[in-house]
């Protein structure tokens, strides 16, 4: 691939945005390659967890303005964004945890890609900004969906309207980031969490994620019905049977949670 790196090892698929000289900005080739890579990962039953990161010292600076077409008609612009959705929606909805490791800039579309993950790790020097209004554009890459679900509607409006840049530490205080890591430990920490999660039951983990994603748009009765159905499937899964066997034989569980941050 021209713009991405993909490594699959011990149930963990690591996708690296690989245009470091351009701060991993999204260009047409990267958008196309993301479609095939996300599809491949979703279809690979050996993949239990996904890690998404950027090469070099940045995550993603957003869309590469230098590669944008001169055709800014409504039809052409809508088609470009719709093509992005071909990989963004599968990334958000896949029934595997997605861990995002953030360093350097996560601006505009890069900010949106980061929010598409389930767990975000960042360095203190990371810089996150929903910068669309600075260039007269509407937030895309799923931001209008993900951001209010993470920080609430009022805070989302403040971030979008102000285009305020947040450090990794400030993002953690706001709930956008889960942990702050030293730059030289960021990737190792992401892999440690991913490998731990890879030991969990894929059925239980996937249905837990799906249920959480459904919950904000579903009433109490609907969620209780989902819980009952999901639990019925989980109780008949190999992951549950293995866990029961380990318990009965007084063995340590295969999954005991995330490792503590060193």
Protein backbone atom coordinates (compact mmCIF):
# COMPACT_ATOMS: atom_id res chain seq x y z
CA UNK A 1 0.00 0.00 0.00
CA UNK A 2 1.06 3.56 -0.70
CA UNK A 3 -0.33 5.37 2.35
CA UNK A 4 -1.08 2.76 5.03
CA UNK A 5 0.67 0.03 6.96
CA UNK A 6 -1.21 -3.03 8.20
CA UNK A 7 0.17 -5.55 10.66
CA UNK A 8 -1.88 -8.43 12.10
CA UNK A 9 -0.32 -10.30 15.00
CA UNK A 10 -1.83 -12.39 17.80
CA UNK A 11 -5.35 -11.12 17.18
CA UNK A 12 -4.37 -7.44 16.96
CA UNK A 13 -4.61 -5.53 13.67
CA UNK A 14 -2.50 -2.37 13.71
CA UNK A 15 -3.38 0.17 11.02
CA UNK A 16 -0.86 3.00 10.61
CA UNK A 17 -1.57 6.13 8.58
CA UNK A 18 1.72 6.38 6.72
CA UNK A 19 2.33 9.81 5.22
CA UNK A 20 4.56 11.25 7.97
CA UNK A 21 6.05 14.00 5.79
CA UNK A 22 2.49 15.33 5.31
CA UNK A 23 1.50 14.76 8.94
CA UNK A 24 -0.51 11.76 7.69
CA UNK A 25 -3.01 13.99 5.90
CA UNK A 26 -5.86 12.25 4.09
CA UNK A 27 -5.38 12.18 0.33
CA UNK A 28 -7.38 10.27 -2.31
CA UNK A 29 -5.05 7.26 -2.16
CA UNK A 30 -5.37 6.98 1.62
CA UNK A 31 -9.14 7.23 1.47
CA UNK A 32 -9.26 4.44 -1.12
CA UNK A 33 -6.83 2.23 0.79
CA UNK A 34 -8.75 2.71 4.02
CA UNK A 35 -11.83 1.20 2.34
CA UNK A 36 -9.97 -2.00 1.49
CA UNK A 37 -8.04 -2.22 4.77
CA UNK A 38 -11.07 -1.73 7.02
CA UNK A 39 -13.00 -4.26 4.95
CA UNK A 40 -10.15 -6.77 5.21
CA UNK A 41 -9.91 -6.35 8.98
CA UNK A 42 -13.67 -6.72 9.45
CA UNK A 43 -13.66 -9.97 7.45
CA UNK A 44 -10.64 -11.48 9.22
CA UNK A 45 -12.04 -13.62 12.05
CA UNK A 46 -8.60 -13.85 13.66
CA UNK A 47 -8.68 -10.11 14.42
CA UNK A 48 -10.01 -9.41 17.91
CA UNK A 49 -8.84 -5.80 18.41
CA UNK A 50 -7.78 -2.93 16.12
CA UNK A 51 -5.11 -0.32 16.89
CA UNK A 52 -5.17 2.83 14.76
CA UNK A 53 -2.21 5.21 14.81
CA UNK A 54 -0.05 7.51 12.70
CA UNK A 55 3.53 7.18 11.50
CA UNK A 56 6.12 9.64 12.77
CA UNK A 57 5.15 12.20 15.39
CA UNK A 58 1.60 12.98 14.25
CA UNK A 59 -1.72 11.19 14.06
CA UNK A 60 -3.50 12.97 11.20
CA UNK A 61 -3.69 16.63 10.15
CA UNK A 62 -7.01 16.15 8.34
CA UNK A 63 -7.69 16.41 4.64
CA UNK A 64 -4.73 17.21 2.40
CA UNK A 65 -5.84 20.50 0.85
CA UNK A 66 -3.17 20.21 -1.86
CA UNK A 67 -4.85 17.12 -3.28
CA UNK A 68 -8.41 18.39 -3.23
CA UNK A 69 -10.07 18.72 -6.62
CA UNK A 70 -10.84 22.09 -8.14
CA UNK A 71 -14.40 20.93 -8.60
CA UNK A 72 -16.12 22.25 -5.47
CA UNK A 73 -19.66 21.84 -6.76
CA UNK A 74 -22.17 20.55 -4.26
CA UNK A 75 -22.38 17.23 -6.08
CA UNK A 76 -18.61 16.69 -6.24
CA UNK A 77 -18.06 17.74 -2.62
CA UNK A 78 -20.86 15.49 -1.38
CA UNK A 79 -19.45 12.57 -3.36
CA UNK A 80 -16.00 13.01 -1.75
CA UNK A 81 -17.46 12.93 1.75
CA UNK A 82 -19.75 10.01 0.92
CA UNK A 83 -16.71 8.04 -0.24
CA UNK A 84 -15.15 8.66 3.17
CA UNK A 85 -18.19 7.08 4.78
CA UNK A 86 -17.44 3.81 2.96
CA UNK A 87 -14.66 3.12 5.48
CA UNK A 88 -15.65 5.39 8.37
CA UNK A 89 -19.01 3.76 9.12
CA UNK A 90 -17.54 0.22 9.10
CA UNK A 91 -14.74 1.45 11.38
CA UNK A 92 -17.21 2.88 13.89
CA UNK A 93 -19.62 -0.05 13.82
CA UNK A 94 -17.24 -3.02 13.70
CA UNK A 95 -17.76 -5.39 16.64
CA UNK A 96 -14.11 -5.20 17.70
CA UNK A 97 -12.64 -2.59 20.04
CA UNK A 98 -10.71 0.13 18.21
CA UNK A 99 -7.85 1.69 20.15
CA UNK A 100 -6.49 4.99 18.84
CA UNK A 101 -2.93 6.04 19.74
CA UNK A 102 -2.56 9.81 19.31
CA UNK A 103 0.61 11.86 19.10
CA UNK A 104 1.16 15.26 17.51
CA UNK A 105 -1.73 16.73 15.55
CA UNK A 106 -5.26 15.39 15.20
CA UNK A 107 -6.90 18.21 13.29
CA UNK A 108 -10.12 18.39 11.30
CA UNK A 109 -10.75 15.01 9.70
CA UNK A 110 -7.95 13.58 11.84
CA UNK A 111 -9.91 14.64 14.92
CA UNK A 112 -12.92 12.83 13.47
CA UNK A 113 -10.98 9.63 12.78
CA UNK A 114 -9.69 9.65 16.36
CA UNK A 115 -13.25 9.92 17.70
CA UNK A 116 -14.25 6.90 15.59
CA UNK A 117 -12.28 4.70 18.00
CA UNK A 118 -13.50 3.29 21.29
CA UNK A 119 -10.42 3.97 23.42
CA UNK A 120 -8.08 6.91 22.88
CA UNK A 121 -4.57 7.12 24.25
CA UNK A 122 -2.52 10.28 23.75
CA UNK A 123 0.69 12.00 24.65
CA UNK A 124 0.62 15.25 26.58
CA UNK A 125 2.05 16.99 23.50
CA UNK A 126 -0.80 15.81 21.25
CA UNK A 127 -2.90 18.61 19.76
CA UNK A 128 -6.56 17.99 19.00
CA UNK A 129 -8.71 20.49 17.14
CA UNK A 130 -11.99 20.43 15.26
CA UNK A 131 -10.79 23.13 12.88
CA UNK A 132 -13.44 22.99 10.14
CA UNK A 133 -14.92 26.46 10.75
CA UNK A 134 -11.45 27.98 10.29
CA UNK A 135 -11.69 27.04 6.62
CA UNK A 136 -15.43 27.62 6.24
CA UNK A 137 -16.46 23.97 6.32
CA UNK A 138 -18.90 21.78 8.24
CA UNK A 139 -17.40 19.08 10.53
CA UNK A 140 -17.17 15.71 8.80
CA UNK A 141 -15.56 12.30 9.40
CA UNK A 142 -18.43 11.54 11.77
CA UNK A 143 -17.72 14.39 14.21
CA UNK A 144 -21.34 15.56 14.36
CA UNK A 145 -22.28 12.04 15.50
CA UNK A 146 -19.39 11.05 17.75
CA UNK A 147 -18.43 14.27 19.53
CA UNK A 148 -21.75 15.00 21.34
CA UNK A 149 -21.95 11.35 22.38
CA UNK A 150 -18.53 11.61 24.02
CA UNK A 151 -18.60 15.06 25.65
CA UNK A 152 -22.28 16.07 25.53
CA UNK A 153 -24.10 18.48 23.22
CA UNK A 154 -23.21 21.75 24.97
CA UNK A 155 -19.49 21.03 25.16
CA UNK A 156 -19.49 19.74 21.58
CA UNK A 157 -20.97 23.02 20.38
CA UNK A 158 -18.32 24.98 22.28
CA UNK A 159 -15.51 22.92 20.74
CA UNK A 160 -16.91 23.17 17.21
CA UNK A 161 -17.74 26.87 17.37
CA UNK A 162 -14.51 27.96 19.07
CA UNK A 163 -12.17 25.65 17.08
CA UNK A 164 -10.17 25.51 20.32
CA UNK A 165 -6.99 23.44 20.22
CA UNK A 166 -6.65 20.98 23.09
CA UNK A 167 -3.48 19.39 24.39
CA UNK A 168 -3.58 15.71 25.13
CA UNK A 169 -3.87 16.52 28.84
CA UNK A 170 -6.76 18.95 28.27
CA UNK A 171 -8.48 16.37 26.08
CA UNK A 172 -8.20 13.81 28.88
CA UNK A 173 -9.75 16.22 31.37
CA UNK A 174 -12.66 16.65 28.96
CA UNK A 175 -13.15 12.92 28.48
CA UNK A 176 -11.95 12.81 24.86
CA UNK A 177 -8.83 10.84 25.83
CA UNK A 178 -8.66 7.96 28.31
CA UNK A 179 -4.96 7.90 29.19
CA UNK A 180 -1.88 10.07 28.78
CA UNK A 181 1.30 8.21 27.84
CA UNK A 182 4.91 9.22 27.41
CA UNK A 183 5.72 9.52 23.69
CA UNK A 184 8.13 6.58 23.77
CA UNK A 185 5.55 4.40 25.54
CA UNK A 186 2.43 5.28 23.52
CA UNK A 187 2.59 2.45 21.00
CA UNK A 188 3.60 -0.14 23.57
CA UNK A 189 0.70 0.88 25.81
CA UNK A 190 -1.77 0.63 22.94
CA UNK A 191 -0.49 -2.84 22.08
CA UNK A 192 -0.61 -3.96 25.73
CA UNK A 193 -4.26 -2.97 26.05
CA UNK A 194 -5.06 -4.51 22.67
CA UNK A 195 -3.43 -7.84 23.55
CA UNK A 196 -5.28 -7.94 26.84
CA UNK A 197 -8.62 -7.30 25.13
CA UNK A 198 -7.80 -9.92 22.49
CA UNK A 199 -8.04 -12.54 25.24
CA UNK A 200 -11.66 -11.62 26.05
CA UNK A 201 -14.60 -13.47 24.53
CA UNK A 202 -15.12 -11.92 21.07
CA UNK A 203 -18.86 -12.59 21.29
CA UNK A 204 -19.26 -10.90 24.68
CA UNK A 205 -16.96 -8.03 23.75
CA UNK A 206 -18.55 -7.41 20.37
CA UNK A 207 -22.10 -7.51 21.69
CA UNK A 208 -21.18 -5.24 24.60
CA UNK A 209 -19.86 -2.67 22.12
CA UNK A 210 -22.92 -2.99 19.91
CA UNK A 211 -25.26 -2.61 22.86
CA UNK A 212 -23.49 0.54 24.05
CA UNK A 213 -23.65 2.02 20.55
CA UNK A 214 -27.39 1.28 20.41
CA UNK A 215 -28.22 2.60 23.87
CA UNK A 216 -28.49 6.33 23.17
CA UNK A 217 -31.06 5.74 20.44
CA UNK A 218 -33.01 2.94 22.12
CA UNK A 219 -35.52 3.00 24.97
CA UNK A 220 -35.31 1.00 28.20
CA UNK A 221 -37.51 -1.85 26.98
CA UNK A 222 -35.52 -2.18 23.78
CA UNK A 223 -32.22 -2.32 25.66
CA UNK A 224 -33.52 -4.87 28.14
CA UNK A 225 -34.62 -7.06 25.24
CA UNK A 226 -31.19 -6.64 23.65
CA UNK A 227 -29.49 -7.64 26.92
CA UNK A 228 -31.56 -10.79 27.16
CA UNK A 229 -30.89 -11.80 23.55
CA UNK A 230 -27.20 -10.94 23.72
CA UNK A 231 -26.76 -12.83 26.97
CA UNK A 232 -28.43 -15.89 25.47
CA UNK A 233 -25.88 -15.86 22.66
CA UNK A 234 -22.95 -15.16 24.98
CA UNK A 235 -23.86 -18.03 27.29
CA UNK A 236 -23.66 -20.41 24.34
CA UNK A 237 -20.34 -19.05 23.07
CA UNK A 238 -16.99 -20.79 23.25
CA UNK A 239 -15.59 -17.86 25.21
CA UNK A 240 -18.08 -18.39 28.02
CA UNK A 241 -17.57 -22.16 28.05
CA UNK A 242 -13.81 -21.69 28.27
CA UNK A 243 -14.22 -19.19 31.11
CA UNK A 244 -16.44 -21.58 33.07
CA UNK A 245 -13.95 -24.39 32.56
CA UNK A 246 -11.13 -22.21 33.84
CA UNK A 247 -13.20 -21.24 36.88
CA UNK A 248 -14.11 -24.83 37.70
CA UNK A 249 -10.49 -25.96 37.41
CA UNK A 250 -9.31 -22.96 39.50
CA UNK A 251 -7.30 -21.51 36.62
CA UNK A 252 -6.71 -17.81 36.11
CA UNK A 253 -9.28 -16.25 33.75
CA UNK A 254 -8.11 -15.66 30.19
CA UNK A 255 -9.22 -12.04 30.48
CA UNK A 256 -8.64 -10.12 33.70
CA UNK A 257 -9.01 -6.57 32.41
CA UNK A 258 -6.55 -4.00 31.11
CA UNK A 259 -3.00 -4.06 32.43
CA UNK A 260 -2.24 -1.14 34.71
CA UNK A 261 -0.33 1.72 33.18
CA UNK A 262 3.36 1.49 34.16
